[in-house]
Every structure is written in structure tokens, then in C-alpha cells.
Amino acid sequence: MIIQNLTEAEVVDIRSSFDIETGERIEIFTLSKDLEKVYQV
């Protein structure tokens, strides 16, 4: 999923973790606004 239109949302927390099985890095964003606004296209 591609997150667009993030200008309205303030990122208050970013956490990075590592998936050992797939070898991919996972980033978890905590936003201060509703996710519906963030995911709007």
C-alpha cells in the first residue's frame, strides 16, 4: 500500500524493526491525525 497525501498528518513516532523471515525492514508510523485522511487519494 502506498501512503499518499501526508502533508496534513504529523508524524509523532517512528519505530523501525527488522523482519527476520523476509529480511525486510518494517517501519511503524504513529500519526496524530485520522488514518482516513492519511489514506485518502
N, C-alpha and C. Protein backbone atom coordinates (compact mmCIF):
# COMPACT_ATOMS: atom_id res chain seq x y z
N MET A 1 0.84 -1.19 0.00
CA MET A 1 0.00 0.00 0.00
C MET A 1 0.88 1.25 0.00
N ILE A 2 0.55 2.16 -0.88
CA ILE A 2 1.29 3.41 -0.96
C ILE A 2 0.52 4.49 -0.22
N ILE A 3 1.18 5.12 0.73
CA ILE A 3 0.53 6.18 1.50
C ILE A 3 0.82 7.51 0.82
N GLN A 4 -0.26 8.20 0.46
CA GLN A 4 -0.12 9.48 -0.21
C GLN A 4 -0.74 10.57 0.64
N ASN A 5 -0.45 11.81 0.28
CA ASN A 5 -1.07 12.97 0.91
C ASN A 5 -0.79 13.00 2.40
N LEU A 6 0.48 12.99 2.77
CA LEU A 6 0.87 13.00 4.17
C LEU A 6 1.11 14.41 4.71
N THR A 7 0.83 15.43 3.89
CA THR A 7 1.15 16.79 4.31
C THR A 7 0.27 17.24 5.47
N GLU A 8 -0.93 16.68 5.58
CA GLU A 8 -1.86 17.08 6.63
C GLU A 8 -1.58 16.37 7.94
N ALA A 9 -0.82 15.29 7.88
CA ALA A 9 -0.61 14.47 9.07
C ALA A 9 0.77 14.74 9.67
N GLU A 10 0.81 14.79 10.97
CA GLU A 10 2.08 14.98 11.67
C GLU A 10 2.55 13.64 12.22
N VAL A 11 3.75 13.27 11.86
CA VAL A 11 4.30 12.01 12.36
C VAL A 11 4.86 12.25 13.76
N VAL A 12 4.28 11.57 14.73
CA VAL A 12 4.68 11.79 16.11
C VAL A 12 5.64 10.70 16.61
N ASP A 13 5.67 9.57 15.92
CA ASP A 13 6.54 8.49 16.37
C ASP A 13 6.88 7.58 15.19
N ILE A 14 8.13 7.24 15.05
CA ILE A 14 8.56 6.29 14.01
C ILE A 14 9.37 5.19 14.68
N ARG A 15 8.92 3.95 14.46
CA ARG A 15 9.66 2.82 15.03
C ARG A 15 10.09 1.90 13.90
N SER A 16 11.31 1.48 13.91
CA SER A 16 11.81 0.56 12.89
C SER A 16 12.08 -0.80 13.52
N SER A 17 11.69 -1.83 12.81
CA SER A 17 12.02 -3.18 13.25
C SER A 17 12.44 -3.99 12.03
N PHE A 18 12.96 -5.18 12.27
CA PHE A 18 13.51 -5.99 11.19
C PHE A 18 12.81 -7.34 11.18
N ASP A 19 12.27 -7.70 9.99
CA ASP A 19 11.61 -8.99 9.85
C ASP A 19 12.66 -10.02 9.47
N ILE A 20 12.91 -10.96 10.36
CA ILE A 20 13.97 -11.94 10.14
C ILE A 20 13.63 -12.90 9.01
N GLU A 21 12.35 -13.28 8.91
CA GLU A 21 11.95 -14.27 7.91
C GLU A 21 12.11 -13.74 6.49
N THR A 22 11.70 -12.50 6.25
CA THR A 22 11.74 -11.96 4.90
C THR A 22 12.96 -11.09 4.67
N GLY A 23 13.62 -10.67 5.75
CA GLY A 23 14.78 -9.81 5.61
C GLY A 23 14.42 -8.38 5.26
N GLU A 24 13.16 -8.01 5.49
CA GLU A 24 12.73 -6.66 5.16
C GLU A 24 12.65 -5.81 6.41
N ARG A 25 12.86 -4.52 6.22
CA ARG A 25 12.74 -3.60 7.35
C ARG A 25 11.32 -3.08 7.43
N ILE A 26 10.77 -3.08 8.63
CA ILE A 26 9.40 -2.65 8.84
C ILE A 26 9.42 -1.35 9.62
N GLU A 27 8.73 -0.34 9.10
CA GLU A 27 8.66 0.93 9.80
C GLU A 27 7.22 1.19 10.22
N ILE A 28 7.04 1.50 11.49
CA ILE A 28 5.71 1.76 12.03
C ILE A 28 5.60 3.25 12.32
N PHE A 29 4.63 3.89 11.68
CA PHE A 29 4.43 5.33 11.87
C PHE A 29 3.21 5.56 12.75
N THR A 30 3.37 6.38 13.77
CA THR A 30 2.23 6.79 14.58
C THR A 30 1.87 8.22 14.18
N LEU A 31 0.65 8.41 13.71
CA LEU A 31 0.24 9.70 13.20
C LEU A 31 -0.72 10.38 14.17
N SER A 32 -0.68 11.70 14.16
CA SER A 32 -1.50 12.45 15.09
C SER A 32 -2.89 12.75 14.54
N LYS A 33 -3.14 12.38 13.28
CA LYS A 33 -4.46 12.63 12.69
C LYS A 33 -5.10 11.31 12.28
N ASP A 34 -6.37 11.40 11.87
CA ASP A 34 -7.10 10.20 11.49
C ASP A 34 -6.47 9.52 10.28
N LEU A 35 -6.43 8.20 10.30
CA LEU A 35 -5.84 7.46 9.19
C LEU A 35 -6.66 7.62 7.92
N GLU A 36 -7.95 7.91 8.05
CA GLU A 36 -8.78 8.09 6.87
C GLU A 36 -8.27 9.26 6.04
N LYS A 37 -7.84 10.32 6.69
CA LYS A 37 -7.29 11.46 5.97
C LYS A 37 -5.96 11.09 5.32
N VAL A 38 -5.17 10.29 6.00
CA VAL A 38 -3.85 9.94 5.50
C VAL A 38 -3.96 9.06 4.27
N TYR A 39 -4.91 8.12 4.29
CA TYR A 39 -5.04 7.17 3.19
C TYR A 39 -5.89 7.70 2.05
N GLN A 40 -6.42 8.93 2.18
CA GLN A 40 -7.21 9.50 1.09
C GLN A 40 -6.35 9.75 -0.13
N VAL A 41 -6.90 9.49 -1.30
CA VAL A 41 -6.16 9.73 -2.55
C VAL A 41 -6.74 10.96 -3.23
